[in-house]
């Protein structure tokens, strides 16, 4: 059997399925969304971790045999800042945070709006991760000086589970820092924005194994030590796979905290005017708008 773990905007969700796709167990644990100022949205990453532990324990308690592997998904675009010891520096800035308009203008100036679209498939908008990193540098310089790692939400939970600093191409393509065509971090964009590539996790394809559940946490979760952990995908890419939307010509629509129309493609589809967003799919070699 397999376990899926979703780090959503409103809560963590876990489920176990057998190899035929039948749901064997589910659990949900909610956590709050903080709005310290109008237009700002934050969450404490440690709440994600606490909720993840809770739902994994509840699912594990319902299973008759140990799982084979665990996959991760979650809200995209957020920024989790860690220091050299792996501790959270400040609350995470989320995908729906709107504080970074000035930093988006700076990205357009430093990279060039047209070039940014060509490399990343997207224009500079407030939701993405890159402007959040620049905001921290501009507005909280003491915190910025402590940064050694920047992770996406699901990948912070991966770090707590396995100790690995890793992500997948679908989630990474929502940062404004990934070269969409090579599915690797863009040294061009990073250099122009003066963001150290060493801060970023290793990029994998969705099915890749990124690590194993560490023995120090496995027992508390009711999981076997060494349980395989897959790279997974951003929430929309993972939902599309679960819906069977894995080929060009298919389309899905989802309505949750946000609404998304999702269509896979064999190659990147980039709108010169930036009216649509283009990402890597969690299916290796595929893309989506």
C-alpha atoms as a PDB file:
ATOM      1  CA  UNK A   1       0.000   0.000   0.000  1.00  0.00           C
ATOM      2  CA  UNK A   2       0.981   3.635  -0.481  1.00  0.00           C
ATOM      3  CA  UNK A   3       0.515   6.771   1.618  1.00  0.00           C
ATOM      4  CA  UNK A   4      -0.083  10.285   0.326  1.00  0.00           C
ATOM      5  CA  UNK A   5       0.468  13.390   2.460  1.00  0.00           C
ATOM      6  CA  UNK A   6      -0.913  16.790   1.429  1.00  0.00           C
ATOM      7  CA  UNK A   7       0.240  20.014   3.118  1.00  0.00           C
ATOM      8  CA  UNK A   8      -2.725  22.193   2.199  1.00  0.00           C
ATOM      9  CA  UNK A   9      -3.556  25.797   2.967  1.00  0.00           C
ATOM     10  CA  UNK A  10      -6.182  24.894   5.561  1.00  0.00           C
ATOM     11  CA  UNK A  11      -4.806  21.624   6.878  1.00  0.00           C
ATOM     12  CA  UNK A  12      -2.769  18.464   6.405  1.00  0.00           C
ATOM     13  CA  UNK A  13      -4.391  15.393   4.875  1.00  0.00           C
ATOM     14  CA  UNK A  14      -3.122  11.836   4.664  1.00  0.00           C
ATOM     15  CA  UNK A  15      -4.561   8.784   2.984  1.00  0.00           C
ATOM     16  CA  UNK A  16      -3.532   5.212   2.375  1.00  0.00           C
ATOM     17  CA  UNK A  17      -4.442   3.324  -0.791  1.00  0.00           C
ATOM     18  CA  UNK A  18      -3.825  -0.169  -2.050  1.00  0.00           C
ATOM     19  CA  UNK A  19      -2.183  -0.821  -5.413  1.00  0.00           C
ATOM     20  CA  UNK A  20      -5.593  -0.852  -7.108  1.00  0.00           C
ATOM     21  CA  UNK A  21      -6.300   2.672  -5.877  1.00  0.00           C
ATOM     22  CA  UNK A  22      -8.809   1.730  -3.190  1.00  0.00           C
ATOM     23  CA  UNK A  23      -8.769   4.112  -0.214  1.00  0.00           C
ATOM     24  CA  UNK A  24      -7.949   2.259   3.005  1.00  0.00           C
ATOM     25  CA  UNK A  25      -7.652   5.107   5.523  1.00  0.00           C
ATOM     26  CA  UNK A  26      -7.801   8.904   5.689  1.00  0.00           C
ATOM     27  CA  UNK A  27      -7.121  11.637   8.243  1.00  0.00           C
ATOM     28  CA  UNK A  28      -7.285  15.448   8.321  1.00  0.00           C
ATOM     29  CA  UNK A  29      -5.786  17.947  10.774  1.00  0.00           C
ATOM     30  CA  UNK A  30      -6.545  21.647  10.325  1.00  0.00           C
ATOM     31  CA  UNK A  31      -4.316  24.619  11.162  1.00  0.00           C
ATOM     32  CA  UNK A  32      -4.898  28.387  11.023  1.00  0.00           C
ATOM     33  CA  UNK A  33      -4.016  30.928   8.356  1.00  0.00           C
ATOM     34  CA  UNK A  34      -2.424  34.056   9.837  1.00  0.00           C
ATOM     35  CA  UNK A  35      -3.021  37.521   8.325  1.00  0.00           C
ATOM     36  CA  UNK A  36      -0.827  39.889  10.374  1.00  0.00           C
ATOM     37  CA  UNK A  37      -1.578  42.750   7.951  1.00  0.00           C
ATOM     38  CA  UNK A  38      -4.064  43.243   5.103  1.00  0.00           C
ATOM     39  CA  UNK A  39      -2.798  41.323   2.073  1.00  0.00           C
ATOM     40  CA  UNK A  40      -0.319  39.250   4.094  1.00  0.00           C
ATOM     41  CA  UNK A  41      -0.761  35.509   4.637  1.00  0.00           C
ATOM     42  CA  UNK A  42       1.572  33.394   6.748  1.00  0.00           C
ATOM     43  CA  UNK A  43       1.714  30.046   8.521  1.00  0.00           C
ATOM     44  CA  UNK A  44       4.076  28.527  11.044  1.00  0.00           C
ATOM     45  CA  UNK A  45       5.809  25.596   9.281  1.00  0.00           C
ATOM     46  CA  UNK A  46       6.038  23.780  12.592  1.00  0.00           C
ATOM     47  CA  UNK A  47       2.229  23.615  12.581  1.00  0.00           C
ATOM     48  CA  UNK A  48       2.454  21.793   9.232  1.00  0.00           C
ATOM     49  CA  UNK A  49       4.853  19.332  10.791  1.00  0.00           C
ATOM     50  CA  UNK A  50       2.701  18.797  13.883  1.00  0.00           C
ATOM     51  CA  UNK A  51      -0.397  18.274  11.733  1.00  0.00           C
ATOM     52  CA  UNK A  52       1.501  15.927   9.409  1.00  0.00           C
ATOM     53  CA  UNK A  53       2.598  13.799  12.338  1.00  0.00           C
ATOM     54  CA  UNK A  54      -0.972  13.666  13.628  1.00  0.00           C
ATOM     55  CA  UNK A  55      -2.535  12.519  10.347  1.00  0.00           C
ATOM     56  CA  UNK A  56       0.220  10.010   9.613  1.00  0.00           C
ATOM     57  CA  UNK A  57      -0.203   8.467  13.069  1.00  0.00           C
ATOM     58  CA  UNK A  58      -3.972   8.197  12.597  1.00  0.00           C
ATOM     59  CA  UNK A  59      -3.647   6.609   9.174  1.00  0.00           C
ATOM     60  CA  UNK A  60      -0.934   4.197  10.341  1.00  0.00           C
ATOM     61  CA  UNK A  61      -3.138   3.075  13.227  1.00  0.00           C
ATOM     62  CA  UNK A  62      -5.805   1.939  10.739  1.00  0.00           C
ATOM     63  CA  UNK A  63      -3.503  -0.195   8.584  1.00  0.00           C
ATOM     64  CA  UNK A  64      -3.052  -3.938   8.897  1.00  0.00           C
ATOM     65  CA  UNK A  65       0.376  -3.968   7.232  1.00  0.00           C
ATOM     66  CA  UNK A  66       3.184  -1.426   6.765  1.00  0.00           C
ATOM     67  CA  UNK A  67       3.128   0.859   3.705  1.00  0.00           C
ATOM     68  CA  UNK A  68       5.553   0.522   0.799  1.00  0.00           C
ATOM     69  CA  UNK A  69       6.169   4.224   0.181  1.00  0.00           C
ATOM     70  CA  UNK A  70       5.017   7.750   0.957  1.00  0.00           C
ATOM     71  CA  UNK A  71       4.481  10.605  -1.498  1.00  0.00           C
ATOM     72  CA  UNK A  72       4.220  14.317  -0.753  1.00  0.00           C
ATOM     73  CA  UNK A  73       2.153  17.117  -2.210  1.00  0.00           C
ATOM     74  CA  UNK A  74       0.994  20.503  -0.985  1.00  0.00           C
ATOM     75  CA  UNK A  75       0.323  24.164  -1.523  1.00  0.00           C
ATOM     76  CA  UNK A  76       2.763  25.690  -3.995  1.00  0.00           C
ATOM     77  CA  UNK A  77       4.826  28.907  -4.164  1.00  0.00           C
ATOM     78  CA  UNK A  78       5.363  29.469  -0.428  1.00  0.00           C
ATOM     79  CA  UNK A  79       8.723  30.324   1.137  1.00  0.00           C
ATOM     80  CA  UNK A  80      10.073  28.548   4.213  1.00  0.00           C
ATOM     81  CA  UNK A  81      13.319  30.072   5.498  1.00  0.00           C
ATOM     82  CA  UNK A  82      15.712  27.897   7.513  1.00  0.00           C
ATOM     83  CA  UNK A  83      18.978  28.728   9.240  1.00  0.00           C
ATOM     84  CA  UNK A  84      22.179  26.687   9.209  1.00  0.00           C
ATOM     85  CA  UNK A  85      20.823  24.283  11.838  1.00  0.00           C
ATOM     86  CA  UNK A  86      17.562  23.701   9.970  1.00  0.00           C
ATOM     87  CA  UNK A  87      15.455  25.839  12.303  1.00  0.00           C
ATOM     88  CA  UNK A  88      12.603  27.971  10.972  1.00  0.00           C
ATOM     89  CA  UNK A  89      13.610  31.651  10.946  1.00  0.00           C
ATOM     90  CA  UNK A  90      10.160  33.227  10.591  1.00  0.00           C
ATOM     91  CA  UNK A  91       6.615  32.234   9.571  1.00  0.00           C
ATOM     92  CA  UNK A  92       6.329  31.053   5.969  1.00  0.00           C
ATOM     93  CA  UNK A  93       5.020  33.455   3.329  1.00  0.00           C
ATOM     94  CA  UNK A  94       2.234  31.712   1.392  1.00  0.00           C
ATOM     95  CA  UNK A  95       1.075  31.518  -2.220  1.00  0.00           C
ATOM     96  CA  UNK A  96      -1.746  34.019  -1.654  1.00  0.00           C
ATOM     97  CA  UNK A  97       0.419  36.631   0.094  1.00  0.00           C
ATOM     98  CA  UNK A  98       0.323  39.990  -1.707  1.00  0.00           C
ATOM     99  CA  UNK A  99       3.101  41.998  -0.038  1.00  0.00           C
ATOM    100  CA  UNK A 100       5.743  41.644  -2.778  1.00  0.00           C
ATOM    101  CA  UNK A 101       4.559  44.004  -5.547  1.00  0.00           C
ATOM    102  CA  UNK A 102       7.728  46.111  -5.284  1.00  0.00           C
ATOM    103  CA  UNK A 103       9.925  43.018  -5.452  1.00  0.00           C
ATOM    104  CA  UNK A 104       8.087  41.837  -8.580  1.00  0.00           C
ATOM    105  CA  UNK A 105       8.941  45.144 -10.236  1.00  0.00           C
ATOM    106  CA  UNK A 106      12.575  44.641  -9.223  1.00  0.00           C
ATOM    107  CA  UNK A 107      12.599  41.149 -10.772  1.00  0.00           C
ATOM    108  CA  UNK A 108      11.282  42.542 -14.056  1.00  0.00           C
ATOM    109  CA  UNK A 109      14.016  45.174 -14.001  1.00  0.00           C
ATOM    110  CA  UNK A 110      16.866  42.818 -13.107  1.00  0.00           C
ATOM    111  CA  UNK A 111      15.921  39.860 -15.300  1.00  0.00           C
ATOM    112  CA  UNK A 112      13.711  41.506 -17.906  1.00  0.00           C
ATOM    113  CA  UNK A 113      10.056  40.604 -18.234  1.00  0.00           C
ATOM    114  CA  UNK A 114      10.446  38.948 -21.636  1.00  0.00           C
ATOM    115  CA  UNK A 115      13.507  36.964 -20.597  1.00  0.00           C
ATOM    116  CA  UNK A 116      11.827  35.841 -17.386  1.00  0.00           C
ATOM    117  CA  UNK A 117       8.918  34.451 -19.407  1.00  0.00           C
ATOM    118  CA  UNK A 118      11.274  32.678 -21.805  1.00  0.00           C
ATOM    119  CA  UNK A 119      13.210  30.991 -18.994  1.00  0.00           C
ATOM    120  CA  UNK A 120      10.595  30.275 -16.327  1.00  0.00           C
ATOM    121  CA  UNK A 121       7.373  30.300 -18.364  1.00  0.00           C
ATOM    122  CA  UNK A 122       5.860  32.894 -16.047  1.00  0.00           C
ATOM    123  CA  UNK A 123       5.832  36.575 -15.274  1.00  0.00           C
ATOM    124  CA  UNK A 124       6.728  38.067 -11.909  1.00  0.00           C
ATOM    125  CA  UNK A 125       3.622  37.969  -9.722  1.00  0.00           C
ATOM    126  CA  UNK A 126       3.273  38.305  -5.981  1.00  0.00           C
ATOM    127  CA  UNK A 127       2.329  34.691  -5.314  1.00  0.00           C
ATOM    128  CA  UNK A 128       5.594  33.110  -6.437  1.00  0.00           C
ATOM    129  CA  UNK A 129       8.541  32.277  -4.190  1.00  0.00           C
ATOM    130  CA  UNK A 130      11.307  34.426  -5.707  1.00  0.00           C
ATOM    131  CA  UNK A 131       9.768  37.816  -4.790  1.00  0.00           C
ATOM    132  CA  UNK A 132       9.280  36.535  -1.244  1.00  0.00           C
ATOM    133  CA  UNK A 133      13.023  35.921  -0.936  1.00  0.00           C
ATOM    134  CA  UNK A 134      13.706  39.463  -2.147  1.00  0.00           C
ATOM    135  CA  UNK A 135      11.118  40.834   0.283  1.00  0.00           C
ATOM    136  CA  UNK A 136      12.930  39.210   3.191  1.00  0.00           C
ATOM    137  CA  UNK A 137      16.195  40.731   2.004  1.00  0.00           C
ATOM    138  CA  UNK A 138      14.608  44.184   1.705  1.00  0.00           C
ATOM    139  CA  UNK A 139      12.369  44.235   4.764  1.00  0.00           C
ATOM    140  CA  UNK A 140      13.899  41.849   7.327  1.00  0.00           C
ATOM    141  CA  UNK A 141      17.660  41.982   6.685  1.00  0.00           C
ATOM    142  CA  UNK A 142      18.593  40.421  10.033  1.00  0.00           C
ATOM    143  CA  UNK A 143      16.441  37.383   9.263  1.00  0.00           C
ATOM    144  CA  UNK A 144      17.779  37.273   5.703  1.00  0.00           C
ATOM    145  CA  UNK A 145      21.366  37.095   6.929  1.00  0.00           C
ATOM    146  CA  UNK A 146      20.471  33.917   8.822  1.00  0.00           C
ATOM    147  CA  UNK A 147      19.018  32.117   5.783  1.00  0.00           C
ATOM    148  CA  UNK A 148      20.833  29.020   4.540  1.00  0.00           C
ATOM    149  CA  UNK A 149      17.939  27.061   3.010  1.00  0.00           C
ATOM    150  CA  UNK A 150      14.697  28.054   1.261  1.00  0.00           C
ATOM    151  CA  UNK A 151      12.061  25.352   0.892  1.00  0.00           C
ATOM    152  CA  UNK A 152       8.549  24.974  -0.467  1.00  0.00           C
ATOM    153  CA  UNK A 153       5.870  23.924   2.047  1.00  0.00           C
ATOM    154  CA  UNK A 154       5.711  20.184   1.314  1.00  0.00           C
ATOM    155  CA  UNK A 155       9.505  20.038   1.166  1.00  0.00           C
ATOM    156  CA  UNK A 156       9.820  21.413   4.682  1.00  0.00           C
ATOM    157  CA  UNK A 157       7.783  18.431   5.871  1.00  0.00           C
ATOM    158  CA  UNK A 158      10.008  16.176   3.745  1.00  0.00           C
ATOM    159  CA  UNK A 159      13.022  17.688   5.520  1.00  0.00           C
ATOM    160  CA  UNK A 160      11.486  16.900   8.898  1.00  0.00           C
ATOM    161  CA  UNK A 161      10.632  13.353   7.788  1.00  0.00           C
ATOM    162  CA  UNK A 162      13.907  12.422   6.108  1.00  0.00           C
ATOM    163  CA  UNK A 163      16.508  15.132   6.659  1.00  0.00           C
ATOM    164  CA  UNK A 164      16.751  15.593   2.876  1.00  0.00           C
ATOM    165  CA  UNK A 165      16.684  18.973   1.136  1.00  0.00           C
ATOM    166  CA  UNK A 166      14.786  18.033  -2.003  1.00  0.00           C
ATOM    167  CA  UNK A 167      11.878  19.108  -4.206  1.00  0.00           C
ATOM    168  CA  UNK A 168      10.238  18.102  -7.458  1.00  0.00           C
ATOM    169  CA  UNK A 169      10.101  19.835 -10.838  1.00  0.00           C
ATOM    170  CA  UNK A 170       6.380  20.666 -10.722  1.00  0.00           C
ATOM    171  CA  UNK A 171       6.620  22.508  -7.403  1.00  0.00           C
ATOM    172  CA  UNK A 172       9.990  24.071  -8.255  1.00  0.00           C
ATOM    173  CA  UNK A 173       8.562  25.527 -11.466  1.00  0.00           C
ATOM    174  CA  UNK A 174       6.302  27.686  -9.299  1.00  0.00           C
ATOM    175  CA  UNK A 175       9.208  29.556  -7.735  1.00  0.00           C
ATOM    176  CA  UNK A 176      10.228  31.780 -10.716  1.00  0.00           C
ATOM    177  CA  UNK A 177      13.718  30.308 -10.302  1.00  0.00           C
ATOM    178  CA  UNK A 178      13.482  27.154 -12.447  1.00  0.00           C
ATOM    179  CA  UNK A 179      14.436  26.899 -16.112  1.00  0.00           C
ATOM    180  CA  UNK A 180      11.254  25.344 -17.459  1.00  0.00           C
ATOM    181  CA  UNK A 181      12.925  23.600 -20.392  1.00  0.00           C
ATOM    182  CA  UNK A 182      15.873  22.065 -18.537  1.00  0.00           C
ATOM    183  CA  UNK A 183      13.818  21.397 -15.367  1.00  0.00           C
ATOM    184  CA  UNK A 184      16.777  22.681 -13.328  1.00  0.00           C
ATOM    185  CA  UNK A 185      17.478  25.858 -11.354  1.00  0.00           C
ATOM    186  CA  UNK A 186      18.239  28.803 -13.635  1.00  0.00           C
ATOM    187  CA  UNK A 187      21.685  30.138 -12.791  1.00  0.00           C
ATOM    188  CA  UNK A 188      20.885  33.121 -15.029  1.00  0.00           C
ATOM    189  CA  UNK A 189      17.865  34.190 -12.964  1.00  0.00           C
ATOM    190  CA  UNK A 190      19.548  33.342  -9.660  1.00  0.00           C
ATOM    191  CA  UNK A 191      22.649  35.360 -10.531  1.00  0.00           C
ATOM    192  CA  UNK A 192      20.618  38.381 -11.626  1.00  0.00           C
ATOM    193  CA  UNK A 193      18.600  38.269  -8.397  1.00  0.00           C
ATOM    194  CA  UNK A 194      21.682  37.467  -6.282  1.00  0.00           C
ATOM    195  CA  UNK A 195      20.079  34.406  -4.700  1.00  0.00           C
ATOM    196  CA  UNK A 196      22.598  31.654  -3.822  1.00  0.00           C
ATOM    197  CA  UNK A 197      21.818  28.382  -5.589  1.00  0.00           C
ATOM    198  CA  UNK A 198      23.156  26.610  -2.482  1.00  0.00           C
ATOM    199  CA  UNK A 199      20.022  27.718  -0.620  1.00  0.00           C
ATOM    200  CA  UNK A 200      17.760  25.708  -2.917  1.00  0.00           C
ATOM    201  CA  UNK A 201      16.890  22.006  -2.677  1.00  0.00           C
ATOM    202  CA  UNK A 202      17.864  19.375  -5.223  1.00  0.00           C
ATOM    203  CA  UNK A 203      15.266  19.065  -8.010  1.00  0.00           C
ATOM    204  CA  UNK A 204      13.866  15.594  -8.777  1.00  0.00           C
ATOM    205  CA  UNK A 205      11.137  14.206 -10.999  1.00  0.00           C
ATOM    206  CA  UNK A 206       7.897  13.285  -9.239  1.00  0.00           C
ATOM    207  CA  UNK A 207       8.389   9.497  -8.989  1.00  0.00           C
ATOM    208  CA  UNK A 208      12.028   9.753  -7.862  1.00  0.00           C
ATOM    209  CA  UNK A 209      12.989   8.522  -4.413  1.00  0.00           C
ATOM    210  CA  UNK A 210      14.383  11.464  -2.438  1.00  0.00           C
ATOM    211  CA  UNK A 211      15.051   9.677   0.853  1.00  0.00           C
ATOM    212  CA  UNK A 212      13.697   7.481   3.618  1.00  0.00           C
ATOM    213  CA  UNK A 213      11.770   8.239   6.793  1.00  0.00           C
ATOM    214  CA  UNK A 214      14.376   8.700   9.524  1.00  0.00           C
ATOM    215  CA  UNK A 215      14.408   6.238  12.407  1.00  0.00           C
ATOM    216  CA  UNK A 216      14.175   9.089  14.935  1.00  0.00           C
ATOM    217  CA  UNK A 217      10.683  10.019  13.681  1.00  0.00           C
ATOM    218  CA  UNK A 218       9.395   6.712  12.283  1.00  0.00           C
ATOM    219  CA  UNK A 219       8.458   5.182  15.621  1.00  0.00           C
ATOM    220  CA  UNK A 220       6.414   8.181  16.724  1.00  0.00           C
ATOM    221  CA  UNK A 221       4.521   8.060  13.424  1.00  0.00           C
ATOM    222  CA  UNK A 222       3.833   4.348  13.504  1.00  0.00           C
ATOM    223  CA  UNK A 223       5.763   4.055  10.249  1.00  0.00           C
ATOM    224  CA  UNK A 224       8.663   1.727   9.452  1.00  0.00           C
ATOM    225  CA  UNK A 225      12.107   3.324   9.596  1.00  0.00           C
ATOM    226  CA  UNK A 226      13.538   3.568   6.119  1.00  0.00           C
ATOM    227  CA  UNK A 227      10.118   3.969   4.464  1.00  0.00           C
ATOM    228  CA  UNK A 228      10.686   5.224   0.912  1.00  0.00           C
ATOM    229  CA  UNK A 229       9.702   8.864   0.311  1.00  0.00           C
ATOM    230  CA  UNK A 230       9.014   9.996  -3.258  1.00  0.00           C
ATOM    231  CA  UNK A 231       9.516  13.513  -4.607  1.00  0.00           C
ATOM    232  CA  UNK A 232       5.790  13.920  -5.271  1.00  0.00           C
ATOM    233  CA  UNK A 233       4.395  17.087  -6.812  1.00  0.00           C
ATOM    234  CA  UNK A 234       2.697  20.409  -6.332  1.00  0.00           C
ATOM    235  CA  UNK A 235      -0.956  20.176  -5.354  1.00  0.00           C
ATOM    236  CA  UNK A 236      -2.401  20.779  -8.811  1.00  0.00           C
ATOM    237  CA  UNK A 237      -0.031  18.376 -10.562  1.00  0.00           C
ATOM    238  CA  UNK A 238      -0.688  15.684  -7.964  1.00  0.00           C
ATOM    239  CA  UNK A 239      -4.453  16.166  -8.228  1.00  0.00           C
ATOM    240  CA  UNK A 240      -4.209  15.887 -12.008  1.00  0.00           C
ATOM    241  CA  UNK A 241      -2.346  12.582 -11.743  1.00  0.00           C
ATOM    242  CA  UNK A 242      -4.954  11.294  -9.323  1.00  0.00           C
ATOM    243  CA  UNK A 243      -7.628  12.267 -11.859  1.00  0.00           C
ATOM    244  CA  UNK A 244      -5.786  10.565 -14.716  1.00  0.00           C
ATOM    245  CA  UNK A 245      -4.906  13.844 -16.428  1.00  0.00           C
ATOM    246  CA  UNK A 246      -1.472  12.784 -17.637  1.00  0.00           C
ATOM    247  CA  UNK A 247      -1.530  13.303 -21.420  1.00  0.00           C
ATOM    248  CA  UNK A 248      -1.723  16.256 -23.787  1.00  0.00           C
ATOM    249  CA  UNK A 249      -5.314  16.893 -24.830  1.00  0.00           C
ATOM    250  CA  UNK A 250      -6.759  16.159 -21.398  1.00  0.00           C
ATOM    251  CA  UNK A 251      -7.987  18.835 -18.999  1.00  0.00           C
ATOM    252  CA  UNK A 252      -9.199  19.064 -15.419  1.00  0.00           C
ATOM    253  CA  UNK A 253     -10.762  21.765 -13.260  1.00  0.00           C
ATOM    254  CA  UNK A 254     -10.536  21.960  -9.481  1.00  0.00           C
ATOM    255  CA  UNK A 255     -12.026  24.330  -6.925  1.00  0.00           C
ATOM    256  CA  UNK A 256     -10.518  24.515  -3.458  1.00  0.00           C
ATOM    257  CA  UNK A 257      -8.918  27.449  -1.659  1.00  0.00           C
ATOM    258  CA  UNK A 258      -8.163  28.502  -5.246  1.00  0.00           C
ATOM    259  CA  UNK A 259      -9.602  27.444  -8.605  1.00  0.00           C
ATOM    260  CA  UNK A 260      -7.445  25.901 -11.337  1.00  0.00           C
ATOM    261  CA  UNK A 261      -7.985  24.728 -14.915  1.00  0.00           C
ATOM    262  CA  UNK A 262      -5.159  22.291 -15.701  1.00  0.00           C
ATOM    263  CA  UNK A 263      -4.061  21.046 -19.148  1.00  0.00           C
ATOM    264  CA  UNK A 264      -0.934  18.910 -19.804  1.00  0.00           C
ATOM    265  CA  UNK A 265       1.346  19.515 -22.782  1.00  0.00           C
ATOM    266  CA  UNK A 266       4.326  17.709 -24.293  1.00  0.00           C
ATOM    267  CA  UNK A 267       6.397  20.908 -24.433  1.00  0.00           C
ATOM    268  CA  UNK A 268       6.262  24.194 -22.508  1.00  0.00           C
ATOM    269  CA  UNK A 269       3.432  26.480 -23.644  1.00  0.00           C
ATOM    270  CA  UNK A 270       4.474  30.055 -22.947  1.00  0.00           C
ATOM    271  CA  UNK A 271       2.167  33.011 -23.500  1.00  0.00           C
ATOM    272  CA  UNK A 272       4.291  36.034 -24.577  1.00  0.00           C
ATOM    273  CA  UNK A 273       1.849  38.274 -22.698  1.00  0.00           C
ATOM    274  CA  UNK A 274       2.020  36.205 -19.533  1.00  0.00           C
ATOM    275  CA  UNK A 275      -1.732  35.642 -19.335  1.00  0.00           C
ATOM    276  CA  UNK A 276      -1.405  31.960 -18.434  1.00  0.00           C
ATOM    277  CA  UNK A 277       0.994  30.188 -16.115  1.00  0.00           C
ATOM    278  CA  UNK A 278       3.204  27.378 -17.399  1.00  0.00           C
ATOM    279  CA  UNK A 279       4.733  24.696 -15.173  1.00  0.00           C
ATOM    280  CA  UNK A 280       6.387  21.291 -15.222  1.00  0.00           C
ATOM    281  CA  UNK A 281       3.992  18.400 -14.635  1.00  0.00           C
ATOM    282  CA  UNK A 282       4.824  15.867 -11.923  1.00  0.00           C
ATOM    283  CA  UNK A 283       4.874  13.294 -14.750  1.00  0.00           C
ATOM    284  CA  UNK A 284       8.505  13.198 -15.978  1.00  0.00           C
ATOM    285  CA  UNK A 285       8.985  15.095 -19.226  1.00  0.00           C
ATOM    286  CA  UNK A 286       5.498  16.615 -19.302  1.00  0.00           C
ATOM    287  CA  UNK A 287       4.377  20.211 -18.751  1.00  0.00           C
ATOM    288  CA  UNK A 288       1.081  21.924 -18.056  1.00  0.00           C
ATOM    289  CA  UNK A 289      -0.684  25.257 -18.192  1.00  0.00           C
END
